[in-house]
Amino acid sequence: MSRNKYPEETVTLILDVAQKLFIEKGYEHTTVQDIIDNLGGLTKGAIYHHFKSKEEILNAVCNRLFANNSLSAKWKNIQKDSNLNGAEKLKRMFIEAINDKQEQEFRKMGIHFQNMPQMLSDLLLRNVNDIAINAFLPVIEEGVADGSIHTNYPKQLSEMIALIANVWISPLVFPVSNEEMKEKFEFANDLIKTVGVDISNIFPALDDMNKELNH
C-alpha cells in the first residue's frame, strides 16, 4: 500500500493497529516498532510521514475514538429526563461515565497523564472550560432550582466536581491502591454530600474500574 497513493487508508490502518495494541499492551508498553510490525509491510517512513511521535498517534486515536462521543449524548439525555431532579441527574451522569464503552476503551490504553504534560494540561482545561460548564453546571443549576442541591456557587461547584471526578480521583492521573481509592472516594462523597448529593452507591463500579486498571 503506497503511503502517497492512499493516505487516508494508511492513516486508518495505523490508527487501527495502534488502538488495538494500546488496549492489549498498554500505551507505555507499545513501541512504534510494535505498530510497524503489525502494519502488513508498511515502513517506518509511512508512519512518520503522518505522525511525528507515538504520542501524536495516541492523540489521533483518542480524537477518533471520541469523535462521536457516546458519553456526551448519554449526558444530554439525562439532562432532559424530567423524571429526575438535579441531584439524581448528577449521580446518573457519574454512573454513565464509569460504564460508558468508549471511556472503558480509553482507560484500557494504560495512559498515565503524569508522563504526558500536554495531555494533562488539555484534560485540566477541558474539565474546567467544557465538562464543568456544559455538562455539570446546567444540572447543578436545576438542582438548586428544585431544591435537591444546596449551593450559592453552582459554577464553582461544577468545576470542583469535574476536577475531583476526572482528575483527582482518576486512576489515569493518580494511580492508587484499591484501599486508597476507597478513602479518596469517601472523602469526595463527604464533600459533595454537604450540597445534598450522595454518590456512595457508585463506589462499587468505581472500585471495579480501579481493580481492572491495576490488574
N, C-alpha and C. Protein backbone atom coordinates (compact mmCIF):
# COMPACT_ATOMS: atom_id res chain seq x y z
N MET A 1 0.86 -1.20 0.00
CA MET A 1 0.00 0.00 0.00
C MET A 1 0.88 1.24 0.00
N SER A 2 0.72 2.10 -0.95
CA SER A 2 1.54 3.30 -1.03
C SER A 2 1.04 4.36 -0.06
N ARG A 3 1.96 4.93 0.67
CA ARG A 3 1.54 5.95 1.62
C ARG A 3 1.04 7.20 0.91
N ASN A 4 1.54 7.44 -0.32
CA ASN A 4 1.16 8.63 -1.05
C ASN A 4 -0.13 8.43 -1.85
N LYS A 5 -0.32 7.22 -2.36
CA LYS A 5 -1.48 6.96 -3.20
C LYS A 5 -2.75 6.81 -2.38
N TYR A 6 -2.64 6.24 -1.17
CA TYR A 6 -3.80 6.01 -0.32
C TYR A 6 -3.55 6.56 1.09
N PRO A 7 -3.37 7.88 1.23
CA PRO A 7 -3.00 8.42 2.55
C PRO A 7 -4.07 8.18 3.61
N GLU A 8 -5.34 8.31 3.25
CA GLU A 8 -6.40 8.11 4.25
C GLU A 8 -6.44 6.67 4.72
N GLU A 9 -6.26 5.72 3.79
CA GLU A 9 -6.25 4.31 4.17
C GLU A 9 -5.04 4.00 5.04
N THR A 10 -3.92 4.64 4.74
CA THR A 10 -2.72 4.42 5.53
C THR A 10 -2.92 4.92 6.96
N VAL A 11 -3.47 6.11 7.10
CA VAL A 11 -3.72 6.67 8.43
C VAL A 11 -4.70 5.79 9.20
N THR A 12 -5.76 5.35 8.53
CA THR A 12 -6.75 4.48 9.19
C THR A 12 -6.11 3.20 9.67
N LEU A 13 -5.27 2.60 8.84
CA LEU A 13 -4.59 1.37 9.24
C LEU A 13 -3.68 1.59 10.44
N ILE A 14 -2.91 2.67 10.41
CA ILE A 14 -2.01 2.98 11.53
C ILE A 14 -2.80 3.14 12.82
N LEU A 15 -3.90 3.87 12.75
CA LEU A 15 -4.70 4.12 13.95
C LEU A 15 -5.40 2.85 14.43
N ASP A 16 -5.87 2.02 13.49
CA ASP A 16 -6.50 0.75 13.87
C ASP A 16 -5.52 -0.13 14.63
N VAL A 17 -4.32 -0.26 14.07
CA VAL A 17 -3.29 -1.10 14.68
C VAL A 17 -2.85 -0.53 16.02
N ALA A 18 -2.61 0.78 16.06
CA ALA A 18 -2.16 1.42 17.30
C ALA A 18 -3.19 1.27 18.40
N GLN A 19 -4.47 1.52 18.08
CA GLN A 19 -5.52 1.40 19.10
C GLN A 19 -5.59 -0.01 19.65
N LYS A 20 -5.52 -1.00 18.78
CA LYS A 20 -5.57 -2.39 19.22
C LYS A 20 -4.40 -2.70 20.15
N LEU A 21 -3.21 -2.26 19.79
CA LEU A 21 -2.03 -2.53 20.61
C LEU A 21 -2.07 -1.75 21.93
N PHE A 22 -2.53 -0.50 21.89
CA PHE A 22 -2.62 0.29 23.12
C PHE A 22 -3.55 -0.39 24.12
N ILE A 23 -4.66 -0.96 23.63
CA ILE A 23 -5.61 -1.63 24.52
C ILE A 23 -5.05 -2.95 25.02
N GLU A 24 -4.39 -3.69 24.13
CA GLU A 24 -3.87 -5.02 24.51
C GLU A 24 -2.64 -4.93 25.41
N LYS A 25 -1.71 -4.02 25.08
CA LYS A 25 -0.43 -3.98 25.77
C LYS A 25 -0.28 -2.78 26.71
N GLY A 26 -1.11 -1.76 26.49
CA GLY A 26 -0.95 -0.52 27.22
C GLY A 26 -0.09 0.44 26.41
N TYR A 27 -0.39 1.71 26.48
CA TYR A 27 0.33 2.71 25.69
C TYR A 27 1.83 2.69 25.95
N GLU A 28 2.21 2.67 27.23
CA GLU A 28 3.64 2.78 27.55
C GLU A 28 4.43 1.54 27.18
N HIS A 29 3.74 0.41 27.03
CA HIS A 29 4.44 -0.83 26.67
C HIS A 29 4.36 -1.12 25.17
N THR A 30 3.78 -0.21 24.43
CA THR A 30 3.72 -0.33 22.97
C THR A 30 4.75 0.61 22.36
N THR A 31 5.59 0.09 21.49
CA THR A 31 6.59 0.91 20.82
C THR A 31 6.14 1.21 19.38
N VAL A 32 6.77 2.18 18.79
CA VAL A 32 6.49 2.47 17.38
C VAL A 32 6.83 1.25 16.53
N GLN A 33 7.89 0.54 16.92
CA GLN A 33 8.25 -0.66 16.17
C GLN A 33 7.16 -1.72 16.26
N ASP A 34 6.50 -1.84 17.41
CA ASP A 34 5.38 -2.77 17.54
C ASP A 34 4.29 -2.44 16.53
N ILE A 35 4.02 -1.16 16.38
CA ILE A 35 2.99 -0.73 15.42
C ILE A 35 3.44 -1.08 14.00
N ILE A 36 4.69 -0.78 13.69
CA ILE A 36 5.22 -1.09 12.35
C ILE A 36 5.11 -2.58 12.06
N ASP A 37 5.45 -3.40 13.04
CA ASP A 37 5.45 -4.86 12.84
C ASP A 37 4.07 -5.41 12.53
N ASN A 38 3.03 -4.63 12.84
CA ASN A 38 1.66 -5.10 12.62
C ASN A 38 0.96 -4.37 11.47
N LEU A 39 1.74 -3.68 10.65
CA LEU A 39 1.15 -2.89 9.57
C LEU A 39 1.14 -3.62 8.23
N GLY A 40 1.57 -4.86 8.22
CA GLY A 40 1.50 -5.64 6.98
C GLY A 40 2.40 -5.15 5.88
N GLY A 41 3.60 -4.71 6.23
CA GLY A 41 4.56 -4.33 5.21
C GLY A 41 4.81 -2.84 5.09
N LEU A 42 4.04 -2.01 5.74
CA LEU A 42 4.31 -0.58 5.71
C LEU A 42 5.60 -0.28 6.48
N THR A 43 6.29 0.73 6.06
CA THR A 43 7.59 1.05 6.66
C THR A 43 7.46 2.11 7.75
N LYS A 44 8.58 2.29 8.48
CA LYS A 44 8.63 3.34 9.50
C LYS A 44 8.39 4.70 8.87
N GLY A 45 8.86 4.86 7.62
CA GLY A 45 8.65 6.13 6.93
C GLY A 45 7.19 6.44 6.72
N ALA A 46 6.38 5.39 6.52
CA ALA A 46 4.94 5.60 6.32
C ALA A 46 4.30 6.18 7.58
N ILE A 47 4.76 5.71 8.74
CA ILE A 47 4.23 6.24 10.00
C ILE A 47 4.68 7.69 10.19
N TYR A 48 5.99 7.94 10.05
CA TYR A 48 6.50 9.27 10.34
C TYR A 48 6.13 10.30 9.26
N HIS A 49 5.63 9.81 8.13
CA HIS A 49 5.08 10.72 7.13
C HIS A 49 3.80 11.38 7.66
N HIS A 50 3.06 10.65 8.50
CA HIS A 50 1.78 11.14 9.01
C HIS A 50 1.84 11.57 10.48
N PHE A 51 2.73 10.96 11.26
CA PHE A 51 2.78 11.23 12.70
C PHE A 51 4.22 11.42 13.14
N LYS A 52 4.45 12.46 13.95
CA LYS A 52 5.81 12.77 14.38
C LYS A 52 6.27 11.91 15.55
N SER A 53 5.32 11.35 16.31
CA SER A 53 5.69 10.62 17.51
C SER A 53 4.58 9.65 17.90
N LYS A 54 4.89 8.78 18.84
CA LYS A 54 3.88 7.86 19.37
C LYS A 54 2.78 8.64 20.08
N GLU A 55 3.13 9.70 20.77
CA GLU A 55 2.11 10.49 21.46
C GLU A 55 1.16 11.15 20.46
N GLU A 56 1.68 11.56 19.31
CA GLU A 56 0.81 12.13 18.28
C GLU A 56 -0.15 11.08 17.74
N ILE A 57 0.33 9.84 17.63
CA ILE A 57 -0.56 8.74 17.23
C ILE A 57 -1.66 8.56 18.27
N LEU A 58 -1.26 8.59 19.55
CA LEU A 58 -2.23 8.45 20.63
C LEU A 58 -3.28 9.55 20.56
N ASN A 59 -2.86 10.79 20.33
CA ASN A 59 -3.81 11.90 20.23
C ASN A 59 -4.82 11.66 19.11
N ALA A 60 -4.33 11.14 17.98
CA ALA A 60 -5.21 10.87 16.85
C ALA A 60 -6.17 9.73 17.17
N VAL A 61 -5.66 8.70 17.86
CA VAL A 61 -6.52 7.59 18.27
C VAL A 61 -7.62 8.09 19.20
N CYS A 62 -7.27 8.92 20.17
CA CYS A 62 -8.25 9.45 21.12
C CYS A 62 -9.26 10.35 20.43
N ASN A 63 -8.78 11.20 19.52
CA ASN A 63 -9.69 12.09 18.80
C ASN A 63 -10.70 11.29 17.98
N ARG A 64 -10.21 10.22 17.35
CA ARG A 64 -11.11 9.38 16.56
C ARG A 64 -12.08 8.63 17.46
N LEU A 65 -11.58 8.14 18.58
CA LEU A 65 -12.41 7.37 19.50
C LEU A 65 -13.57 8.21 20.03
N PHE A 66 -13.31 9.50 20.27
CA PHE A 66 -14.33 10.36 20.86
C PHE A 66 -14.98 11.31 19.85
N ALA A 67 -14.77 11.03 18.56
CA ALA A 67 -15.36 11.89 17.53
C ALA A 67 -16.88 11.92 17.65
N ASN A 68 -17.46 10.77 17.90
CA ASN A 68 -18.89 10.69 18.17
C ASN A 68 -19.04 10.26 19.63
N ASN A 69 -18.95 11.23 20.51
CA ASN A 69 -18.84 10.94 21.94
C ASN A 69 -20.15 10.40 22.50
N SER A 70 -20.15 9.10 22.77
CA SER A 70 -21.36 8.46 23.27
C SER A 70 -21.72 8.94 24.67
N LEU A 71 -20.71 9.25 25.49
CA LEU A 71 -20.98 9.71 26.85
C LEU A 71 -21.67 11.07 26.82
N SER A 72 -21.22 11.95 25.96
CA SER A 72 -21.84 13.26 25.84
C SER A 72 -23.31 13.14 25.46
N ALA A 73 -23.61 12.22 24.54
CA ALA A 73 -25.00 12.01 24.13
C ALA A 73 -25.84 11.46 25.29
N LYS A 74 -25.25 10.55 26.06
CA LYS A 74 -25.97 9.99 27.22
C LYS A 74 -26.23 11.08 28.26
N TRP A 75 -25.22 11.93 28.48
CA TRP A 75 -25.39 13.01 29.45
C TRP A 75 -26.49 13.98 29.01
N LYS A 76 -26.58 14.25 27.73
CA LYS A 76 -27.62 15.15 27.25
C LYS A 76 -29.00 14.55 27.47
N ASN A 77 -29.11 13.24 27.28
CA ASN A 77 -30.39 12.57 27.53
C ASN A 77 -30.76 12.63 29.01
N ILE A 78 -29.76 12.50 29.87
CA ILE A 78 -30.01 12.59 31.31
C ILE A 78 -30.46 14.00 31.66
N GLN A 79 -29.82 15.01 31.07
CA GLN A 79 -30.20 16.40 31.34
C GLN A 79 -31.67 16.65 30.99
N LYS A 80 -32.16 15.96 29.97
CA LYS A 80 -33.54 16.18 29.50
C LYS A 80 -34.57 15.34 30.26
N ASP A 81 -34.12 14.43 31.10
CA ASP A 81 -35.03 13.50 31.77
C ASP A 81 -35.84 14.22 32.85
N SER A 82 -37.11 14.43 32.59
CA SER A 82 -37.97 15.17 33.51
C SER A 82 -38.37 14.36 34.74
N ASN A 83 -38.04 13.07 34.75
CA ASN A 83 -38.37 12.23 35.90
C ASN A 83 -37.32 12.30 37.01
N LEU A 84 -36.20 12.97 36.74
CA LEU A 84 -35.11 13.06 37.72
C LEU A 84 -34.93 14.49 38.18
N ASN A 85 -34.60 14.67 39.46
CA ASN A 85 -34.22 16.00 39.91
C ASN A 85 -32.73 16.23 39.64
N GLY A 86 -32.23 17.41 39.96
CA GLY A 86 -30.85 17.75 39.64
C GLY A 86 -29.83 16.82 40.28
N ALA A 87 -30.02 16.52 41.57
CA ALA A 87 -29.08 15.64 42.27
C ALA A 87 -29.08 14.24 41.66
N GLU A 88 -30.25 13.74 41.30
CA GLU A 88 -30.34 12.40 40.70
C GLU A 88 -29.69 12.38 39.33
N LYS A 89 -29.83 13.45 38.58
CA LYS A 89 -29.19 13.53 37.26
C LYS A 89 -27.67 13.50 37.39
N LEU A 90 -27.16 14.24 38.38
CA LEU A 90 -25.71 14.28 38.58
C LEU A 90 -25.17 12.90 38.91
N LYS A 91 -25.86 12.17 39.78
CA LYS A 91 -25.43 10.81 40.13
C LYS A 91 -25.49 9.89 38.91
N ARG A 92 -26.54 10.02 38.12
CA ARG A 92 -26.67 9.18 36.92
C ARG A 92 -25.55 9.46 35.93
N MET A 93 -25.14 10.71 35.84
CA MET A 93 -24.04 11.08 34.93
C MET A 93 -22.73 10.42 35.35
N PHE A 94 -22.48 10.36 36.67
CA PHE A 94 -21.27 9.71 37.16
C PHE A 94 -21.27 8.22 36.80
N ILE A 95 -22.40 7.58 36.98
CA ILE A 95 -22.51 6.15 36.68
C ILE A 95 -22.26 5.89 35.20
N GLU A 96 -22.85 6.72 34.34
CA GLU A 96 -22.66 6.55 32.90
C GLU A 96 -21.20 6.75 32.51
N ALA A 97 -20.52 7.68 33.17
CA ALA A 97 -19.11 7.94 32.86
C ALA A 97 -18.24 6.72 33.15
N ILE A 98 -18.58 5.99 34.21
CA ILE A 98 -17.81 4.79 34.57
C ILE A 98 -18.12 3.64 33.63
N ASN A 99 -19.38 3.52 33.20
CA ASN A 99 -19.81 2.36 32.42
C ASN A 99 -19.75 2.55 30.91
N ASP A 100 -19.51 3.77 30.44
CA ASP A 100 -19.51 4.04 29.01
C ASP A 100 -18.42 3.23 28.29
N LYS A 101 -18.78 2.61 27.17
CA LYS A 101 -17.85 1.72 26.44
C LYS A 101 -16.64 2.48 25.91
N GLN A 102 -16.85 3.68 25.36
CA GLN A 102 -15.73 4.46 24.86
C GLN A 102 -14.78 4.84 25.98
N GLU A 103 -15.33 5.24 27.10
CA GLU A 103 -14.49 5.58 28.25
C GLU A 103 -13.72 4.36 28.73
N GLN A 104 -14.34 3.19 28.70
CA GLN A 104 -13.67 1.97 29.11
C GLN A 104 -12.51 1.64 28.18
N GLU A 105 -12.73 1.80 26.87
CA GLU A 105 -11.64 1.54 25.91
C GLU A 105 -10.50 2.52 26.13
N PHE A 106 -10.84 3.77 26.40
CA PHE A 106 -9.81 4.77 26.65
C PHE A 106 -8.98 4.40 27.87
N ARG A 107 -9.66 3.98 28.94
CA ARG A 107 -8.94 3.62 30.17
C ARG A 107 -8.04 2.40 29.95
N LYS A 108 -8.46 1.47 29.10
CA LYS A 108 -7.69 0.26 28.86
C LYS A 108 -6.37 0.53 28.13
N MET A 109 -6.21 1.72 27.58
CA MET A 109 -4.98 2.03 26.86
C MET A 109 -3.79 2.22 27.78
N GLY A 110 -4.04 2.26 29.08
CA GLY A 110 -2.92 2.36 30.02
C GLY A 110 -2.20 3.68 29.97
N ILE A 111 -2.95 4.74 29.76
CA ILE A 111 -2.35 6.07 29.70
C ILE A 111 -2.08 6.57 31.12
N HIS A 112 -0.90 7.18 31.31
CA HIS A 112 -0.56 7.79 32.59
C HIS A 112 -0.32 9.27 32.34
N PHE A 113 -1.29 10.09 32.70
CA PHE A 113 -1.23 11.51 32.36
C PHE A 113 -0.05 12.22 33.00
N GLN A 114 0.47 11.71 34.11
CA GLN A 114 1.61 12.37 34.74
C GLN A 114 2.84 12.35 33.84
N ASN A 115 2.89 11.39 32.93
CA ASN A 115 4.01 11.30 32.00
C ASN A 115 3.76 12.06 30.71
N MET A 116 2.58 12.70 30.60
CA MET A 116 2.20 13.39 29.37
C MET A 116 1.69 14.79 29.74
N PRO A 117 2.58 15.74 29.97
CA PRO A 117 2.17 17.06 30.46
C PRO A 117 1.19 17.77 29.54
N GLN A 118 1.33 17.62 28.22
CA GLN A 118 0.41 18.31 27.32
C GLN A 118 -1.00 17.73 27.43
N MET A 119 -1.10 16.40 27.49
CA MET A 119 -2.41 15.78 27.63
C MET A 119 -3.03 16.09 28.99
N LEU A 120 -2.20 16.17 30.02
CA LEU A 120 -2.70 16.52 31.34
C LEU A 120 -3.23 17.95 31.35
N SER A 121 -2.50 18.86 30.71
CA SER A 121 -2.95 20.24 30.61
C SER A 121 -4.27 20.32 29.86
N ASP A 122 -4.38 19.58 28.76
CA ASP A 122 -5.63 19.56 27.98
C ASP A 122 -6.77 19.01 28.83
N LEU A 123 -6.49 17.98 29.63
CA LEU A 123 -7.51 17.38 30.49
C LEU A 123 -8.02 18.39 31.52
N LEU A 124 -7.11 19.11 32.15
CA LEU A 124 -7.49 20.10 33.15
C LEU A 124 -8.37 21.19 32.53
N LEU A 125 -7.94 21.71 31.39
CA LEU A 125 -8.69 22.78 30.75
C LEU A 125 -10.04 22.30 30.25
N ARG A 126 -10.08 21.08 29.71
CA ARG A 126 -11.35 20.55 29.20
C ARG A 126 -12.35 20.38 30.33
N ASN A 127 -11.87 19.96 31.50
CA ASN A 127 -12.77 19.77 32.63
C ASN A 127 -13.35 21.09 33.13
N VAL A 128 -12.53 22.13 33.18
CA VAL A 128 -13.00 23.42 33.68
C VAL A 128 -13.81 24.17 32.62
N ASN A 129 -13.33 24.17 31.39
CA ASN A 129 -13.94 25.00 30.35
C ASN A 129 -15.04 24.32 29.55
N ASP A 130 -15.12 22.99 29.64
CA ASP A 130 -16.11 22.28 28.84
C ASP A 130 -17.04 21.43 29.71
N ILE A 131 -16.48 20.40 30.34
CA ILE A 131 -17.32 19.46 31.09
C ILE A 131 -18.06 20.16 32.23
N ALA A 132 -17.35 20.97 33.00
CA ALA A 132 -18.00 21.65 34.13
C ALA A 132 -19.13 22.55 33.64
N ILE A 133 -18.85 23.34 32.61
CA ILE A 133 -19.81 24.35 32.15
C ILE A 133 -20.96 23.72 31.36
N ASN A 134 -20.66 22.81 30.46
CA ASN A 134 -21.69 22.29 29.55
C ASN A 134 -22.42 21.05 30.07
N ALA A 135 -21.77 20.28 30.93
CA ALA A 135 -22.39 19.05 31.42
C ALA A 135 -22.93 19.21 32.84
N PHE A 136 -22.07 19.62 33.78
CA PHE A 136 -22.46 19.63 35.18
C PHE A 136 -23.24 20.88 35.60
N LEU A 137 -22.85 22.04 35.10
CA LEU A 137 -23.47 23.29 35.55
C LEU A 137 -24.99 23.32 35.31
N PRO A 138 -25.48 22.96 34.13
CA PRO A 138 -26.95 23.00 33.93
C PRO A 138 -27.70 22.10 34.90
N VAL A 139 -27.12 20.94 35.22
CA VAL A 139 -27.76 20.01 36.14
C VAL A 139 -27.72 20.55 37.57
N ILE A 140 -26.61 21.15 37.94
CA ILE A 140 -26.49 21.73 39.29
C ILE A 140 -27.45 22.90 39.44
N GLU A 141 -27.55 23.74 38.42
CA GLU A 141 -28.49 24.87 38.48
C GLU A 141 -29.93 24.36 38.59
N GLU A 142 -30.23 23.29 37.89
CA GLU A 142 -31.56 22.70 38.01
C GLU A 142 -31.78 22.16 39.42
N GLY A 143 -30.73 21.53 39.98
CA GLY A 143 -30.83 21.02 41.34
C GLY A 143 -31.05 22.13 42.36
N VAL A 144 -30.40 23.26 42.15
CA VAL A 144 -30.61 24.41 43.04
C VAL A 144 -32.06 24.88 42.93
N ALA A 145 -32.56 24.91 41.71
CA ALA A 145 -33.93 25.38 41.49
C ALA A 145 -34.97 24.43 42.08
N ASP A 146 -34.71 23.11 42.00
CA ASP A 146 -35.71 22.16 42.51
C ASP A 146 -35.48 21.78 43.98
N GLY A 147 -34.40 22.31 44.57
CA GLY A 147 -34.15 22.10 45.99
C GLY A 147 -33.35 20.86 46.33
N SER A 148 -32.90 20.10 45.33
CA SER A 148 -32.15 18.88 45.63
C SER A 148 -30.65 19.13 45.82
N ILE A 149 -30.17 20.30 45.38
CA ILE A 149 -28.76 20.68 45.54
C ILE A 149 -28.73 22.04 46.21
N HIS A 150 -27.86 22.18 47.23
CA HIS A 150 -27.84 23.39 48.04
C HIS A 150 -26.48 24.09 47.90
N THR A 151 -26.43 25.12 47.10
CA THR A 151 -25.20 25.90 46.96
C THR A 151 -25.53 27.28 46.42
N ASN A 152 -24.73 28.25 46.83
CA ASN A 152 -24.82 29.60 46.27
C ASN A 152 -23.82 29.80 45.14
N TYR A 153 -23.05 28.73 44.85
CA TYR A 153 -21.96 28.84 43.88
C TYR A 153 -22.02 27.69 42.88
N PRO A 154 -23.04 27.61 42.05
CA PRO A 154 -23.19 26.48 41.13
C PRO A 154 -22.03 26.33 40.14
N LYS A 155 -21.51 27.44 39.63
CA LYS A 155 -20.40 27.36 38.68
C LYS A 155 -19.15 26.79 39.34
N GLN A 156 -18.83 27.30 40.53
CA GLN A 156 -17.65 26.81 41.24
C GLN A 156 -17.82 25.35 41.65
N LEU A 157 -19.03 24.99 42.03
CA LEU A 157 -19.29 23.59 42.39
C LEU A 157 -19.12 22.69 41.18
N SER A 158 -19.58 23.12 40.02
CA SER A 158 -19.43 22.30 38.81
C SER A 158 -17.96 22.09 38.47
N GLU A 159 -17.15 23.12 38.66
CA GLU A 159 -15.71 23.00 38.38
C GLU A 159 -15.05 22.05 39.37
N MET A 160 -15.40 22.20 40.66
CA MET A 160 -14.81 21.34 41.68
C MET A 160 -15.15 19.88 41.43
N ILE A 161 -16.42 19.59 41.11
CA ILE A 161 -16.83 18.20 40.87
C ILE A 161 -16.13 17.63 39.65
N ALA A 162 -16.01 18.42 38.59
CA ALA A 162 -15.33 17.95 37.37
C ALA A 162 -13.87 17.60 37.67
N LEU A 163 -13.20 18.45 38.42
CA LEU A 163 -11.78 18.21 38.71
C LEU A 163 -11.60 17.04 39.68
N ILE A 164 -12.49 16.91 40.65
CA ILE A 164 -12.39 15.78 41.58
C ILE A 164 -12.64 14.47 40.84
N ALA A 165 -13.71 14.43 40.05
CA ALA A 165 -14.12 13.19 39.40
C ALA A 165 -13.15 12.76 38.30
N ASN A 166 -12.67 13.71 37.51
CA ASN A 166 -11.90 13.36 36.32
C ASN A 166 -10.41 13.58 36.44
N VAL A 167 -9.97 14.16 37.55
CA VAL A 167 -8.53 14.38 37.74
C VAL A 167 -8.07 13.79 39.06
N TRP A 168 -8.54 14.35 40.18
CA TRP A 168 -8.02 13.94 41.49
C TRP A 168 -8.32 12.49 41.80
N ILE A 169 -9.52 12.03 41.46
CA ILE A 169 -9.89 10.66 41.80
C ILE A 169 -9.62 9.70 40.64
N SER A 170 -9.16 10.23 39.51
CA SER A 170 -8.94 9.39 38.33
C SER A 170 -7.65 8.58 38.47
N PRO A 171 -7.72 7.25 38.32
CA PRO A 171 -6.51 6.43 38.39
C PRO A 171 -5.60 6.63 37.19
N LEU A 172 -6.08 7.30 36.14
CA LEU A 172 -5.22 7.60 35.00
C LEU A 172 -4.29 8.77 35.31
N VAL A 173 -4.68 9.58 36.28
CA VAL A 173 -3.84 10.70 36.70
C VAL A 173 -3.06 10.36 37.96
N PHE A 174 -3.76 9.78 38.95
CA PHE A 174 -3.13 9.40 40.22
C PHE A 174 -3.43 7.92 40.51
N PRO A 175 -2.59 7.02 40.00
CA PRO A 175 -2.80 5.59 40.28
C PRO A 175 -2.65 5.32 41.78
N VAL A 176 -3.63 4.65 42.37
CA VAL A 176 -3.59 4.35 43.80
C VAL A 176 -4.09 2.93 44.04
N SER A 177 -3.83 2.44 45.24
CA SER A 177 -4.34 1.13 45.62
C SER A 177 -5.87 1.20 45.76
N ASN A 178 -6.49 0.02 45.82
CA ASN A 178 -7.94 -0.02 45.99
C ASN A 178 -8.36 0.62 47.31
N GLU A 179 -7.56 0.41 48.35
CA GLU A 179 -7.89 0.98 49.65
C GLU A 179 -7.81 2.50 49.62
N GLU A 180 -6.77 3.03 48.99
CA GLU A 180 -6.65 4.49 48.92
C GLU A 180 -7.72 5.08 48.02
N MET A 181 -8.09 4.36 46.96
CA MET A 181 -9.18 4.83 46.10
C MET A 181 -10.47 4.94 46.91
N LYS A 182 -10.72 3.95 47.75
CA LYS A 182 -11.92 3.98 48.59
C LYS A 182 -11.89 5.19 49.52
N GLU A 183 -10.73 5.48 50.11
CA GLU A 183 -10.61 6.60 51.02
C GLU A 183 -10.82 7.93 50.28
N LYS A 184 -10.24 8.04 49.09
CA LYS A 184 -10.42 9.26 48.31
C LYS A 184 -11.88 9.44 47.92
N PHE A 185 -12.52 8.35 47.52
CA PHE A 185 -13.92 8.43 47.14
C PHE A 185 -14.80 8.82 48.33
N GLU A 186 -14.54 8.21 49.48
CA GLU A 186 -15.35 8.52 50.66
C GLU A 186 -15.18 9.98 51.07
N PHE A 187 -13.96 10.49 50.94
CA PHE A 187 -13.74 11.90 51.25
C PHE A 187 -14.47 12.78 50.25
N ALA A 188 -14.37 12.44 48.96
CA ALA A 188 -15.07 13.21 47.92
C ALA A 188 -16.57 13.18 48.15
N ASN A 189 -17.09 12.01 48.54
CA ASN A 189 -18.53 11.89 48.79
C ASN A 189 -18.95 12.74 49.99
N ASP A 190 -18.11 12.76 51.03
CA ASP A 190 -18.41 13.60 52.19
C ASP A 190 -18.49 15.08 51.79
N LEU A 191 -17.59 15.50 50.89
CA LEU A 191 -17.62 16.88 50.42
C LEU A 191 -18.90 17.17 49.65
N ILE A 192 -19.22 16.29 48.72
CA ILE A 192 -20.37 16.54 47.84
C ILE A 192 -21.69 16.41 48.60
N LYS A 193 -21.70 15.58 49.65
CA LYS A 193 -22.92 15.45 50.44
C LYS A 193 -23.31 16.75 51.13
N THR A 194 -22.34 17.63 51.36
CA THR A 194 -22.65 18.90 52.02
C THR A 194 -23.58 19.76 51.17
N VAL A 195 -23.63 19.49 49.86
CA VAL A 195 -24.54 20.25 49.00
C VAL A 195 -25.78 19.44 48.64
N GLY A 196 -25.92 18.25 49.25
CA GLY A 196 -27.13 17.47 49.06
C GLY A 196 -27.04 16.32 48.09
N VAL A 197 -25.82 16.00 47.62
CA VAL A 197 -25.66 14.92 46.63
C VAL A 197 -24.88 13.77 47.26
N ASP A 198 -25.52 12.62 47.38
CA ASP A 198 -24.87 11.42 47.94
C ASP A 198 -24.59 10.46 46.80
N ILE A 199 -23.30 10.23 46.51
CA ILE A 199 -22.92 9.36 45.39
C ILE A 199 -22.31 8.04 45.89
N SER A 200 -22.59 7.68 47.14
CA SER A 200 -21.98 6.48 47.72
C SER A 200 -22.32 5.22 46.94
N ASN A 201 -23.49 5.21 46.25
CA ASN A 201 -23.90 3.99 45.55
C ASN A 201 -23.08 3.71 44.30
N ILE A 202 -22.26 4.67 43.83
CA ILE A 202 -21.47 4.40 42.63
C ILE A 202 -20.10 3.82 42.95
N PHE A 203 -19.76 3.71 44.26
CA PHE A 203 -18.41 3.23 44.58
C PHE A 203 -18.11 1.82 44.05
N PRO A 204 -19.04 0.86 44.12
CA PRO A 204 -18.72 -0.47 43.58
C PRO A 204 -18.24 -0.43 42.13
N ALA A 205 -18.88 0.38 41.29
CA ALA A 205 -18.46 0.49 39.89
C ALA A 205 -17.09 1.14 39.79
N LEU A 206 -16.84 2.15 40.60
CA LEU A 206 -15.53 2.81 40.61
C LEU A 206 -14.45 1.86 41.10
N ASP A 207 -14.77 1.07 42.12
CA ASP A 207 -13.82 0.11 42.67
C ASP A 207 -13.47 -0.95 41.62
N ASP A 208 -14.48 -1.42 40.89
CA ASP A 208 -14.23 -2.41 39.82
C ASP A 208 -13.32 -1.81 38.75
N MET A 209 -13.55 -0.55 38.41
CA MET A 209 -12.74 0.12 37.39
C MET A 209 -11.29 0.20 37.86
N ASN A 210 -11.07 0.59 39.11
CA ASN A 210 -9.72 0.72 39.64
C ASN A 210 -9.01 -0.62 39.69
N LYS A 211 -9.72 -1.66 40.09
CA LYS A 211 -9.15 -3.01 40.13
C LYS A 211 -8.72 -3.45 38.74
N GLU A 212 -9.56 -3.15 37.75
CA GLU A 212 -9.24 -3.55 36.38
C GLU A 212 -8.00 -2.83 35.88
N LEU A 213 -7.87 -1.54 36.21
CA LEU A 213 -6.72 -0.78 35.77
C LEU A 213 -5.45 -1.20 36.49
N ASN A 214 -5.58 -1.70 37.72
CA ASN A 214 -4.42 -2.14 38.49
C ASN A 214 -4.07 -3.60 38.26
N HIS A 215 -4.88 -4.26 37.43
CA HIS A 215 -4.68 -5.72 37.22
C HIS A 215 -3.36 -6.00 36.51
